[in-house]
Amino acid sequence: MTEQPTQEPMIRLHRASLVLTLLAAHQELAALPINWEIDDRDGLWPRVEHKSPDAERAARAMAAALGARMHVDDVNGTPLYSVYGQWAGTKVSLQAFGPDSVDATEVTA
């Protein structure tokens, strides 16, 4: 009895092609430090390095590319930028923590 091939490699290849078409259509995204990891989760989950100074810029560019809104939440003095949208019918979710805000930084003399 032969094993049937799984669909996972084809799904990952499809998701990779979606990333490439998104980057080709919105080259400003390719210039930003966004990591694209293709995994088994539904949709695309781009990432930005934790507390990156480019987090807000990356989130704004992603929101513009997807025609979505960018949400900003304060998480213990650290901004969390979130974008939820779709590209070619596939869910795209970006969550990026920016650097700590100046207001939340403790200064001691």
Protein backbone atom coordinates (compact mmCIF):
# COMPACT_ATOMS: atom_id res chain seq x y z
CA MET A 1 0.00 0.00 0.00
CA THR A 2 1.46 3.37 -0.97
CA GLU A 3 1.18 6.43 1.21
CA GLN A 4 -0.88 9.31 -0.08
CA PRO A 5 1.06 12.59 -0.20
CA THR A 6 -0.06 15.19 2.31
CA GLN A 7 -1.34 18.57 1.23
CA GLU A 8 0.99 20.46 3.60
CA PRO A 9 3.82 21.04 1.10
CA MET A 10 1.39 22.37 -1.50
CA ILE A 11 -0.31 24.62 1.05
CA ARG A 12 3.06 26.00 2.15
CA LEU A 13 4.07 26.58 -1.48
CA HIS A 14 0.81 28.44 -2.08
CA ARG A 15 1.39 30.62 0.99
CA ALA A 16 4.96 31.36 -0.13
CA SER A 17 3.63 32.45 -3.53
CA LEU A 18 1.15 34.75 -1.76
CA VAL A 19 4.01 36.38 0.15
CA LEU A 20 5.95 36.90 -3.08
CA THR A 21 2.99 38.46 -4.87
CA LEU A 22 2.30 40.73 -1.89
CA LEU A 23 5.94 41.87 -1.81
CA ALA A 24 5.98 42.39 -5.58
CA ALA A 25 2.81 44.47 -5.46
CA HIS A 26 3.93 46.48 -2.40
CA GLN A 27 7.68 46.85 -2.61
CA GLU A 28 7.76 49.10 0.45
CA LEU A 29 7.05 45.96 2.50
CA ALA A 30 10.11 44.23 1.05
CA ALA A 31 12.29 47.08 2.31
CA LEU A 32 11.10 46.68 5.91
CA PRO A 33 12.39 44.20 8.51
CA ILE A 34 9.38 41.89 8.30
CA ASN A 35 9.97 38.16 8.76
CA TRP A 36 7.76 35.81 6.78
CA GLU A 37 7.55 32.36 8.30
CA ILE A 38 5.49 29.82 6.39
CA ASP A 39 4.03 27.32 8.84
CA ASP A 40 0.93 25.19 9.42
CA ARG A 41 -1.22 27.96 10.86
CA ASP A 42 -4.10 29.30 8.81
CA GLY A 43 -3.17 32.41 6.88
CA LEU A 44 0.02 34.42 6.91
CA TRP A 45 1.66 35.60 10.13
CA PRO A 46 4.43 38.10 9.35
CA ARG A 47 6.59 39.12 12.31
CA VAL A 48 8.73 42.08 13.28
CA GLU A 49 11.57 41.78 15.78
CA HIS A 50 10.37 42.35 19.37
CA LYS A 51 10.51 46.03 20.36
CA SER A 52 11.89 47.02 16.96
CA PRO A 53 12.04 50.76 16.23
CA ASP A 54 10.58 49.86 12.80
CA ALA A 55 7.48 48.13 14.25
CA GLU A 56 5.11 51.06 13.72
CA ARG A 57 6.39 51.76 10.20
CA ALA A 58 6.05 48.07 9.28
CA ALA A 59 2.51 47.91 10.67
CA ARG A 60 1.47 51.10 8.84
CA ALA A 61 2.89 49.78 5.56
CA MET A 62 1.15 46.42 6.04
CA ALA A 63 -2.17 48.12 6.80
CA ALA A 64 -1.85 50.28 3.68
CA ALA A 65 -0.95 47.27 1.51
CA LEU A 66 -3.92 45.26 2.78
CA GLY A 67 -6.38 48.14 2.91
CA ALA A 68 -6.82 47.39 6.60
CA ARG A 69 -6.70 49.38 9.82
CA MET A 70 -3.79 49.44 12.22
CA HIS A 71 -4.69 49.13 15.90
CA VAL A 72 -2.41 50.32 18.68
CA ASP A 73 -2.67 49.01 22.23
CA ASP A 74 -0.54 49.86 25.24
CA VAL A 75 0.82 46.72 26.89
CA ASN A 76 2.59 47.75 30.11
CA GLY A 77 4.08 50.84 28.48
CA THR A 78 4.99 49.11 25.23
CA PRO A 79 2.95 49.80 22.09
CA LEU A 80 1.51 46.77 20.32
CA TYR A 81 0.71 47.41 16.65
CA SER A 82 -1.81 45.02 15.13
CA VAL A 83 -3.02 44.66 11.56
CA TYR A 84 -5.62 42.13 10.46
CA GLY A 85 -6.50 41.91 6.79
CA GLN A 86 -6.56 39.69 3.73
CA TRP A 87 -4.40 39.21 0.68
CA ALA A 88 -5.83 37.24 -2.24
CA GLY A 89 -8.47 35.75 0.07
CA THR A 90 -5.96 34.65 2.71
CA LYS A 91 -5.94 36.04 6.24
CA VAL A 92 -2.86 38.11 7.14
CA SER A 93 -2.20 38.94 10.81
CA LEU A 94 0.66 41.14 12.00
CA GLN A 95 1.32 41.92 15.65
CA ALA A 96 4.45 43.89 16.46
CA PHE A 97 5.68 45.32 19.73
CA GLY A 98 7.43 48.64 19.36
CA PRO A 99 10.09 50.05 21.67
CA ASP A 100 9.03 51.08 25.16
CA SER A 101 7.40 54.50 25.17
CA VAL A 102 9.27 57.35 26.84
CA ASP A 103 6.31 57.96 29.13
CA ALA A 104 6.56 54.45 30.59
CA THR A 105 10.31 54.60 31.25
CA GLU A 106 11.37 55.10 34.83
CA VAL A 107 14.14 57.61 35.36
CA THR A 108 16.09 57.57 38.60
CA ALA A 109 18.65 60.13 39.66
